[in-house]
Amino acid sequence: MPITRAKATALLNQREMTLYDESRANALRALDAKALASCIRRARDARDRARDLVRRQKLSSRDRTGTKRGSSGLANQRSKDKAELTADILRRFEAQLPVAQRREVAAAKAKGQAKATRTPATARKASTVAKAGKATAARKATTTASSARKPAAKHATGKAARTKKATAKRALSPRQALKRTRELLEAKQARDREPKPWETLGGTPPTAGQPGYQSGSAARRARELHAAETRLPAIMGSISTRDRINQGKRDHRGGGED
């Protein structure tokens, strides 16, 4: 039955539409025997699914309507059309499979005849050309390997020299390390004593700071921080003095009553 592409799109899903497109004339001629066998298997599965759906719908309609055929009017017509369309796609693939097989057999036979009709001189010439190509490839591979080994050896030598130099540089005695630390500390202190750039912005020469604390509050704050850091015990002199004064007052009041 002739079914247009628009109607096929309404009946088939995406995978089935792929089979529909592959079953058209131009795409069908481009398929080989292996591809056609795969298409036949997929198309047969799609046809069997469609037929099973038609059978189930017919039984359901027979129970519902009571008719012998199991259909009433246009009921289940869409499923029937889909089953017929998938069957038609399968027939197209099955008809093209022998054609593709004959074409492949003819191509293999022509290739065998061309190989058999090749003259011994041509065979010797082809063998010589193949041997020459293999020798050229071997020489090129040897040259490439030797040129690759040279930079690798040079890189390994340079790396070993750098490793040796770094090891010698890291091997410092404790006395040398202490000397270097002192030099770095002196350099830092000298850099800290130099005037800062922003101190000369007003045109007045920078003045060296006085040693010690800049104010009394700063000195008190430093002592408090030091006491907190060292966790010095608190001096309770004021509390003990107040206790003695209060006790003296109580003793004095008791003596006056006597």
C-alpha atoms as a PDB file:
ATOM      1  CA  MET A   1       0.000   0.000   0.000  1.00  0.00           C
ATOM      2  CA  PRO A   2       1.397   3.433  -0.892  1.00  0.00           C
ATOM      3  CA  ILE A   3       2.163   5.427   2.236  1.00  0.00           C
ATOM      4  CA  THR A   4       3.676   8.891   2.029  1.00  0.00           C
ATOM      5  CA  ARG A   5       6.517  10.070   4.226  1.00  0.00           C
ATOM      6  CA  ALA A   6       4.187  12.372   6.167  1.00  0.00           C
ATOM      7  CA  LYS A   7       1.918   9.452   7.055  1.00  0.00           C
ATOM      8  CA  ALA A   8       4.941   7.283   7.889  1.00  0.00           C
ATOM      9  CA  THR A   9       6.188   9.972  10.275  1.00  0.00           C
ATOM     10  CA  ALA A  10       2.821   9.904  12.031  1.00  0.00           C
ATOM     11  CA  LEU A  11       2.912   6.089  12.338  1.00  0.00           C
ATOM     12  CA  LEU A  12       6.556   5.252  13.143  1.00  0.00           C
ATOM     13  CA  ASN A  13       8.897   6.238  15.963  1.00  0.00           C
ATOM     14  CA  GLN A  14      12.407   7.590  15.470  1.00  0.00           C
ATOM     15  CA  ARG A  15      14.177   4.217  15.141  1.00  0.00           C
ATOM     16  CA  GLU A  16      11.530   2.927  12.764  1.00  0.00           C
ATOM     17  CA  MET A  17      11.815   6.088  10.666  1.00  0.00           C
ATOM     18  CA  THR A  18      15.533   5.340  10.297  1.00  0.00           C
ATOM     19  CA  LEU A  19      14.579   1.988   8.777  1.00  0.00           C
ATOM     20  CA  TYR A  20      12.067   3.759   6.541  1.00  0.00           C
ATOM     21  CA  ASP A  21      14.761   6.125   5.217  1.00  0.00           C
ATOM     22  CA  GLU A  22      17.239   3.291   4.671  1.00  0.00           C
ATOM     23  CA  SER A  23      14.631   1.327   2.679  1.00  0.00           C
ATOM     24  CA  ARG A  24      14.291   4.060   0.048  1.00  0.00           C
ATOM     25  CA  ALA A  25      15.826   3.367  -3.368  1.00  0.00           C
ATOM     26  CA  ASN A  26      18.976   5.521  -3.234  1.00  0.00           C
ATOM     27  CA  ALA A  27      19.924   4.547   0.324  1.00  0.00           C
ATOM     28  CA  LEU A  28      19.071   0.888  -0.346  1.00  0.00           C
ATOM     29  CA  ARG A  29      21.542   0.620  -3.253  1.00  0.00           C
ATOM     30  CA  ALA A  30      24.383   1.947  -1.064  1.00  0.00           C
ATOM     31  CA  LEU A  31      24.051  -0.810   1.584  1.00  0.00           C
ATOM     32  CA  ASP A  32      26.233  -3.906   1.551  1.00  0.00           C
ATOM     33  CA  ALA A  33      25.169  -7.419   2.553  1.00  0.00           C
ATOM     34  CA  LYS A  34      26.191  -7.041   6.197  1.00  0.00           C
ATOM     35  CA  ALA A  35      24.268  -3.776   6.619  1.00  0.00           C
ATOM     36  CA  LEU A  36      21.234  -5.260   4.867  1.00  0.00           C
ATOM     37  CA  ALA A  37      21.252  -8.263   7.203  1.00  0.00           C
ATOM     38  CA  SER A  38      21.234  -5.904  10.192  1.00  0.00           C
ATOM     39  CA  CYS A  39      18.387  -3.857   8.678  1.00  0.00           C
ATOM     40  CA  ILE A  40      16.390  -7.035   8.010  1.00  0.00           C
ATOM     41  CA  ARG A  41      16.740  -8.123  11.626  1.00  0.00           C
ATOM     42  CA  ARG A  42      15.616  -4.716  12.924  1.00  0.00           C
ATOM     43  CA  ALA A  43      12.739  -4.471  10.448  1.00  0.00           C
ATOM     44  CA  ARG A  44      11.514  -7.982  11.346  1.00  0.00           C
ATOM     45  CA  ASP A  45      11.465  -7.043  15.030  1.00  0.00           C
ATOM     46  CA  ALA A  46       9.482  -3.871  14.280  1.00  0.00           C
ATOM     47  CA  ARG A  47       6.988  -5.801  12.136  1.00  0.00           C
ATOM     48  CA  ASP A  48       6.496  -8.462  14.816  1.00  0.00           C
ATOM     49  CA  ARG A  49       5.867  -5.801  17.462  1.00  0.00           C
ATOM     50  CA  ALA A  50       3.285  -4.097  15.242  1.00  0.00           C
ATOM     51  CA  ARG A  51       1.516  -7.391  14.497  1.00  0.00           C
ATOM     52  CA  ASP A  52       1.381  -8.302  18.170  1.00  0.00           C
ATOM     53  CA  LEU A  53      -0.163  -4.918  18.955  1.00  0.00           C
ATOM     54  CA  VAL A  54      -2.807  -5.407  16.265  1.00  0.00           C
ATOM     55  CA  ARG A  55      -3.625  -8.859  17.650  1.00  0.00           C
ATOM     56  CA  ARG A  56      -3.997  -7.590  21.208  1.00  0.00           C
ATOM     57  CA  GLN A  57      -6.161  -4.664  20.125  1.00  0.00           C
ATOM     58  CA  LYS A  58      -8.383  -6.974  18.074  1.00  0.00           C
ATOM     59  CA  LEU A  59      -8.988  -9.249  21.049  1.00  0.00           C
ATOM     60  CA  SER A  60      -9.727  -6.274  23.264  1.00  0.00           C
ATOM     61  CA  SER A  61     -12.190  -4.835  20.746  1.00  0.00           C
ATOM     62  CA  ARG A  62     -13.889  -8.229  20.328  1.00  0.00           C
ATOM     63  CA  ASP A  63     -14.527  -8.419  24.047  1.00  0.00           C
ATOM     64  CA  ARG A  64     -15.724  -4.844  24.187  1.00  0.00           C
ATOM     65  CA  THR A  65     -17.932  -4.698  21.057  1.00  0.00           C
ATOM     66  CA  GLY A  66     -18.940  -8.329  20.669  1.00  0.00           C
ATOM     67  CA  THR A  67     -18.081  -8.376  16.927  1.00  0.00           C
ATOM     68  CA  LYS A  68     -16.425 -11.443  15.407  1.00  0.00           C
ATOM     69  CA  ARG A  69     -13.658  -9.524  13.645  1.00  0.00           C
ATOM     70  CA  GLY A  70     -12.885  -7.425  16.650  1.00  0.00           C
ATOM     71  CA  SER A  71     -13.152  -4.085  14.873  1.00  0.00           C
ATOM     72  CA  SER A  72     -15.760  -1.441  14.471  1.00  0.00           C
ATOM     73  CA  GLY A  73     -15.405   1.287  11.880  1.00  0.00           C
ATOM     74  CA  LEU A  74     -11.919   2.806  11.948  1.00  0.00           C
ATOM     75  CA  ALA A  75     -10.960   1.239  15.259  1.00  0.00           C
ATOM     76  CA  ASN A  76      -7.367  -0.075  15.378  1.00  0.00           C
ATOM     77  CA  GLN A  77      -6.783   1.165  11.799  1.00  0.00           C
ATOM     78  CA  ARG A  78      -3.609   3.029  12.757  1.00  0.00           C
ATOM     79  CA  SER A  79      -2.025  -0.127  14.175  1.00  0.00           C
ATOM     80  CA  LYS A  80      -2.938  -2.071  11.015  1.00  0.00           C
ATOM     81  CA  ASP A  81      -1.347   0.600   8.803  1.00  0.00           C
ATOM     82  CA  LYS A  82       1.824   0.488  10.885  1.00  0.00           C
ATOM     83  CA  ALA A  83       2.009  -3.305  10.624  1.00  0.00           C
ATOM     84  CA  GLU A  84       1.600  -3.135   6.826  1.00  0.00           C
ATOM     85  CA  LEU A  85       4.238  -0.391   6.533  1.00  0.00           C
ATOM     86  CA  THR A  86       6.842  -2.301   8.562  1.00  0.00           C
ATOM     87  CA  ALA A  87       6.113  -5.440   6.520  1.00  0.00           C
ATOM     88  CA  ASP A  88       6.698  -3.438   3.315  1.00  0.00           C
ATOM     89  CA  ILE A  89      10.023  -2.104   4.670  1.00  0.00           C
ATOM     90  CA  LEU A  90      11.095  -5.676   5.490  1.00  0.00           C
ATOM     91  CA  ARG A  91      10.211  -6.860   1.971  1.00  0.00           C
ATOM     92  CA  ARG A  92      12.374  -4.106   0.459  1.00  0.00           C
ATOM     93  CA  PHE A  93      15.411  -5.144   2.495  1.00  0.00           C
ATOM     94  CA  GLU A  94      14.908  -8.847   1.777  1.00  0.00           C
ATOM     95  CA  ALA A  95      14.627  -8.169  -1.965  1.00  0.00           C
ATOM     96  CA  GLN A  96      17.854  -6.114  -1.993  1.00  0.00           C
ATOM     97  CA  LEU A  97      19.940  -8.632  -0.003  1.00  0.00           C
ATOM     98  CA  PRO A  98      20.526 -11.136  -2.911  1.00  0.00           C
ATOM     99  CA  VAL A  99      21.488  -8.232  -5.176  1.00  0.00           C
ATOM    100  CA  ALA A 100      24.099  -6.995  -2.708  1.00  0.00           C
ATOM    101  CA  GLN A 101      25.459 -10.533  -2.229  1.00  0.00           C
ATOM    102  CA  ARG A 102      25.863 -11.044  -5.991  1.00  0.00           C
ATOM    103  CA  ARG A 103      27.586  -7.672  -6.283  1.00  0.00           C
ATOM    104  CA  GLU A 104      30.085  -8.558  -3.557  1.00  0.00           C
ATOM    105  CA  VAL A 105      30.796 -11.987  -5.084  1.00  0.00           C
ATOM    106  CA  ALA A 106      31.455 -10.382  -8.476  1.00  0.00           C
ATOM    107  CA  ALA A 107      33.777  -7.823  -6.943  1.00  0.00           C
ATOM    108  CA  ALA A 108      35.727 -10.524  -5.094  1.00  0.00           C
ATOM    109  CA  LYS A 109      36.007 -12.608  -8.271  1.00  0.00           C
ATOM    110  CA  ALA A 110      37.259  -9.641 -10.295  1.00  0.00           C
ATOM    111  CA  LYS A 111      39.849  -8.883  -7.637  1.00  0.00           C
ATOM    112  CA  GLY A 112      41.060 -12.506  -7.663  1.00  0.00           C
ATOM    113  CA  GLN A 113      41.332 -12.529 -11.443  1.00  0.00           C
ATOM    114  CA  ALA A 114      43.333  -9.292 -11.438  1.00  0.00           C
ATOM    115  CA  LYS A 115      45.704 -10.774  -8.874  1.00  0.00           C
ATOM    116  CA  ALA A 116      46.094 -14.000 -10.870  1.00  0.00           C
ATOM    117  CA  THR A 117      46.791 -12.219 -14.189  1.00  0.00           C
ATOM    118  CA  ARG A 118      49.692 -10.241 -12.743  1.00  0.00           C
ATOM    119  CA  THR A 119      52.935 -11.188 -14.597  1.00  0.00           C
ATOM    120  CA  PRO A 120      55.995 -12.536 -12.774  1.00  0.00           C
ATOM    121  CA  ALA A 121      57.980  -9.430 -13.804  1.00  0.00           C
ATOM    122  CA  THR A 122      55.341  -7.222 -12.258  1.00  0.00           C
ATOM    123  CA  ALA A 123      55.410  -9.343  -9.140  1.00  0.00           C
ATOM    124  CA  ARG A 124      59.220  -9.078  -8.926  1.00  0.00           C
ATOM    125  CA  LYS A 125      59.037  -5.330  -9.487  1.00  0.00           C
ATOM    126  CA  ALA A 126      56.426  -4.945  -6.770  1.00  0.00           C
ATOM    127  CA  SER A 127      58.535  -7.079  -4.413  1.00  0.00           C
ATOM    128  CA  THR A 128      61.619  -4.933  -5.148  1.00  0.00           C
ATOM    129  CA  VAL A 129      59.680  -1.739  -4.548  1.00  0.00           C
ATOM    130  CA  ALA A 130      58.309  -3.134  -1.275  1.00  0.00           C
ATOM    131  CA  LYS A 131      61.802  -4.171  -0.102  1.00  0.00           C
ATOM    132  CA  ALA A 132      63.208  -0.734  -1.013  1.00  0.00           C
ATOM    133  CA  GLY A 133      60.396   0.940   0.883  1.00  0.00           C
ATOM    134  CA  LYS A 134      61.051  -1.234   3.943  1.00  0.00           C
ATOM    135  CA  ALA A 135      64.799  -0.422   3.832  1.00  0.00           C
ATOM    136  CA  THR A 136      64.083   3.303   3.542  1.00  0.00           C
ATOM    137  CA  ALA A 137      61.676   3.141   6.445  1.00  0.00           C
ATOM    138  CA  ALA A 138      64.251   1.235   8.540  1.00  0.00           C
ATOM    139  CA  ARG A 139      66.963   3.825   7.793  1.00  0.00           C
ATOM    140  CA  LYS A 140      64.593   6.658   8.619  1.00  0.00           C
ATOM    141  CA  ALA A 141      63.610   4.982  11.894  1.00  0.00           C
ATOM    142  CA  THR A 142      67.284   4.472  12.821  1.00  0.00           C
ATOM    143  CA  THR A 143      68.097   8.112  12.042  1.00  0.00           C
ATOM    144  CA  THR A 144      65.121   9.329  14.054  1.00  0.00           C
ATOM    145  CA  ALA A 145      66.054   7.136  17.015  1.00  0.00           C
ATOM    146  CA  SER A 146      69.693   8.327  17.001  1.00  0.00           C
ATOM    147  CA  SER A 147      68.658  11.981  16.721  1.00  0.00           C
ATOM    148  CA  ALA A 148      66.194  11.471  19.577  1.00  0.00           C
ATOM    149  CA  ARG A 149      68.849   9.791  21.747  1.00  0.00           C
ATOM    150  CA  LYS A 150      71.303  12.715  21.399  1.00  0.00           C
ATOM    151  CA  PRO A 151      69.025  15.381  22.965  1.00  0.00           C
ATOM    152  CA  ALA A 152      67.956  12.849  25.599  1.00  0.00           C
ATOM    153  CA  ALA A 153      71.597  12.144  26.553  1.00  0.00           C
ATOM    154  CA  LYS A 154      72.394  15.862  26.551  1.00  0.00           C
ATOM    155  CA  HIS A 155      69.349  16.563  28.721  1.00  0.00           C
ATOM    156  CA  ALA A 156      70.328  13.769  31.143  1.00  0.00           C
ATOM    157  CA  THR A 157      73.898  15.116  31.409  1.00  0.00           C
ATOM    158  CA  GLY A 158      72.673  18.657  32.071  1.00  0.00           C
ATOM    159  CA  LYS A 159      70.185  17.431  34.642  1.00  0.00           C
ATOM    160  CA  ALA A 160      72.879  15.433  36.471  1.00  0.00           C
ATOM    161  CA  ALA A 161      75.170  18.496  36.544  1.00  0.00           C
ATOM    162  CA  ARG A 162      72.375  20.683  37.941  1.00  0.00           C
ATOM    163  CA  THR A 163      71.539  18.054  40.565  1.00  0.00           C
ATOM    164  CA  LYS A 164      75.194  17.835  41.631  1.00  0.00           C
ATOM    165  CA  LYS A 165      75.472  21.618  41.844  1.00  0.00           C
ATOM    166  CA  ALA A 166      72.270  21.894  43.891  1.00  0.00           C
ATOM    167  CA  THR A 167      73.480  19.155  46.250  1.00  0.00           C
ATOM    168  CA  ALA A 168      76.791  20.933  46.777  1.00  0.00           C
ATOM    169  CA  LYS A 169      74.929  24.175  47.364  1.00  0.00           C
ATOM    170  CA  ARG A 170      72.641  22.610  49.965  1.00  0.00           C
ATOM    171  CA  ALA A 171      75.518  20.921  51.852  1.00  0.00           C
ATOM    172  CA  LEU A 172      76.171  23.679  54.453  1.00  0.00           C
ATOM    173  CA  SER A 173      77.768  23.129  57.816  1.00  0.00           C
ATOM    174  CA  PRO A 174      75.993  24.380  60.969  1.00  0.00           C
ATOM    175  CA  ARG A 175      78.587  27.129  61.402  1.00  0.00           C
ATOM    176  CA  GLN A 176      78.058  28.376  57.841  1.00  0.00           C
ATOM    177  CA  ALA A 177      74.291  28.320  58.322  1.00  0.00           C
ATOM    178  CA  LEU A 178      74.585  30.351  61.550  1.00  0.00           C
ATOM    179  CA  LYS A 179      76.875  32.863  59.872  1.00  0.00           C
ATOM    180  CA  ARG A 180      74.458  33.310  56.989  1.00  0.00           C
ATOM    181  CA  THR A 181      71.545  33.762  59.394  1.00  0.00           C
ATOM    182  CA  ARG A 182      73.408  36.487  61.267  1.00  0.00           C
ATOM    183  CA  GLU A 183      74.257  38.265  58.025  1.00  0.00           C
ATOM    184  CA  LEU A 184      70.618  38.218  56.979  1.00  0.00           C
ATOM    185  CA  LEU A 185      69.538  39.533  60.393  1.00  0.00           C
ATOM    186  CA  GLU A 186      72.064  42.391  60.276  1.00  0.00           C
ATOM    187  CA  ALA A 187      70.940  43.318  56.788  1.00  0.00           C
ATOM    188  CA  LYS A 188      67.293  43.377  57.929  1.00  0.00           C
ATOM    189  CA  GLN A 189      68.086  45.564  60.930  1.00  0.00           C
ATOM    190  CA  ALA A 190      70.083  47.993  58.762  1.00  0.00           C
ATOM    191  CA  ARG A 191      67.175  48.159  56.307  1.00  0.00           C
ATOM    192  CA  ASP A 192      64.744  48.850  59.148  1.00  0.00           C
ATOM    193  CA  ARG A 193      66.925  51.720  60.479  1.00  0.00           C
ATOM    194  CA  GLU A 194      66.942  53.483  57.117  1.00  0.00           C
ATOM    195  CA  PRO A 195      64.438  56.381  56.743  1.00  0.00           C
ATOM    196  CA  LYS A 196      61.193  55.487  55.034  1.00  0.00           C
ATOM    197  CA  PRO A 197      60.240  57.268  51.801  1.00  0.00           C
ATOM    198  CA  TRP A 198      57.139  58.862  53.318  1.00  0.00           C
ATOM    199  CA  GLU A 199      59.146  60.434  56.141  1.00  0.00           C
ATOM    200  CA  THR A 200      60.804  62.924  53.740  1.00  0.00           C
ATOM    201  CA  LEU A 201      57.645  64.104  52.002  1.00  0.00           C
ATOM    202  CA  GLY A 202      57.373  67.309  54.091  1.00  0.00           C
ATOM    203  CA  GLY A 203      60.908  68.475  53.226  1.00  0.00           C
ATOM    204  CA  THR A 204      62.242  67.934  56.765  1.00  0.00           C
ATOM    205  CA  PRO A 205      65.056  65.478  57.275  1.00  0.00           C
ATOM    206  CA  PRO A 206      64.056  62.340  59.123  1.00  0.00           C
ATOM    207  CA  THR A 207      65.023  62.111  62.768  1.00  0.00           C
ATOM    208  CA  ALA A 208      66.193  58.952  64.408  1.00  0.00           C
ATOM    209  CA  GLY A 209      63.827  57.609  67.027  1.00  0.00           C
ATOM    210  CA  GLN A 210      64.742  57.580  70.691  1.00  0.00           C
ATOM    211  CA  PRO A 211      65.454  54.235  72.296  1.00  0.00           C
ATOM    212  CA  GLY A 212      62.886  52.828  74.693  1.00  0.00           C
ATOM    213  CA  TYR A 213      59.134  53.493  74.889  1.00  0.00           C
ATOM    214  CA  GLN A 214      57.641  56.571  73.235  1.00  0.00           C
ATOM    215  CA  SER A 215      55.293  57.359  76.170  1.00  0.00           C
ATOM    216  CA  GLY A 216      54.443  56.287  79.705  1.00  0.00           C
ATOM    217  CA  SER A 217      51.183  54.682  78.631  1.00  0.00           C
ATOM    218  CA  ALA A 218      53.071  52.589  76.139  1.00  0.00           C
ATOM    219  CA  ALA A 219      55.446  51.440  78.878  1.00  0.00           C
ATOM    220  CA  ARG A 220      52.539  50.526  81.199  1.00  0.00           C
ATOM    221  CA  ARG A 221      50.813  48.662  78.424  1.00  0.00           C
ATOM    222  CA  ALA A 222      53.977  46.744  77.689  1.00  0.00           C
ATOM    223  CA  ARG A 223      54.368  45.752  81.346  1.00  0.00           C
ATOM    224  CA  GLU A 224      50.757  44.600  81.490  1.00  0.00           C
ATOM    225  CA  LEU A 225      51.206  42.494  78.390  1.00  0.00           C
ATOM    226  CA  HIS A 226      54.396  41.044  79.813  1.00  0.00           C
ATOM    227  CA  ALA A 227      52.693  40.170  83.093  1.00  0.00           C
ATOM    228  CA  ALA A 228      49.818  38.524  81.221  1.00  0.00           C
ATOM    229  CA  GLU A 229      52.161  36.553  79.012  1.00  0.00           C
ATOM    230  CA  THR A 230      54.304  35.308  81.915  1.00  0.00           C
ATOM    231  CA  ARG A 231      51.225  34.694  84.115  1.00  0.00           C
ATOM    232  CA  LEU A 232      52.657  36.460  87.172  1.00  0.00           C
ATOM    233  CA  PRO A 233      50.668  35.911  90.421  1.00  0.00           C
ATOM    234  CA  ALA A 234      48.560  38.900  91.505  1.00  0.00           C
ATOM    235  CA  ILE A 235      49.682  40.915  94.578  1.00  0.00           C
ATOM    236  CA  MET A 236      46.778  41.060  97.052  1.00  0.00           C
ATOM    237  CA  GLY A 237      48.344  43.730  99.314  1.00  0.00           C
ATOM    238  CA  SER A 238      45.353  46.063  99.142  1.00  0.00           C
ATOM    239  CA  ILE A 239      42.848  43.370 100.114  1.00  0.00           C
ATOM    240  CA  SER A 240      44.892  42.133 103.070  1.00  0.00           C
ATOM    241  CA  THR A 241      45.375  45.691 104.326  1.00  0.00           C
ATOM    242  CA  ARG A 242      41.654  46.365 104.187  1.00  0.00           C
ATOM    243  CA  ASP A 243      40.951  43.173 106.101  1.00  0.00           C
ATOM    244  CA  ARG A 244      43.321  44.231 108.904  1.00  0.00           C
ATOM    245  CA  ILE A 245      41.696  47.697 109.139  1.00  0.00           C
ATOM    246  CA  ASN A 246      38.227  46.203 109.368  1.00  0.00           C
ATOM    247  CA  GLN A 247      39.341  43.753 112.046  1.00  0.00           C
ATOM    248  CA  GLY A 248      40.845  46.609 114.076  1.00  0.00           C
ATOM    249  CA  LYS A 249      37.548  48.487 113.888  1.00  0.00           C
ATOM    250  CA  ARG A 250      35.645  45.466 115.177  1.00  0.00           C
ATOM    251  CA  ASP A 251      38.100  44.985 118.036  1.00  0.00           C
ATOM    252  CA  HIS A 252      37.812  48.683 118.959  1.00  0.00           C
ATOM    253  CA  ARG A 253      34.024  48.520 119.102  1.00  0.00           C
ATOM    254  CA  GLY A 254      34.153  45.508 121.376  1.00  0.00           C
ATOM    255  CA  GLY A 255      36.601  47.192 123.804  1.00  0.00           C
ATOM    256  CA  GLY A 256      34.386  50.327 124.182  1.00  0.00           C
ATOM    257  CA  GLU A 257      31.414  48.266 125.349  1.00  0.00           C
ATOM    258  CA  ASP A 258      33.435  46.773 128.241  1.00  0.00           C
END
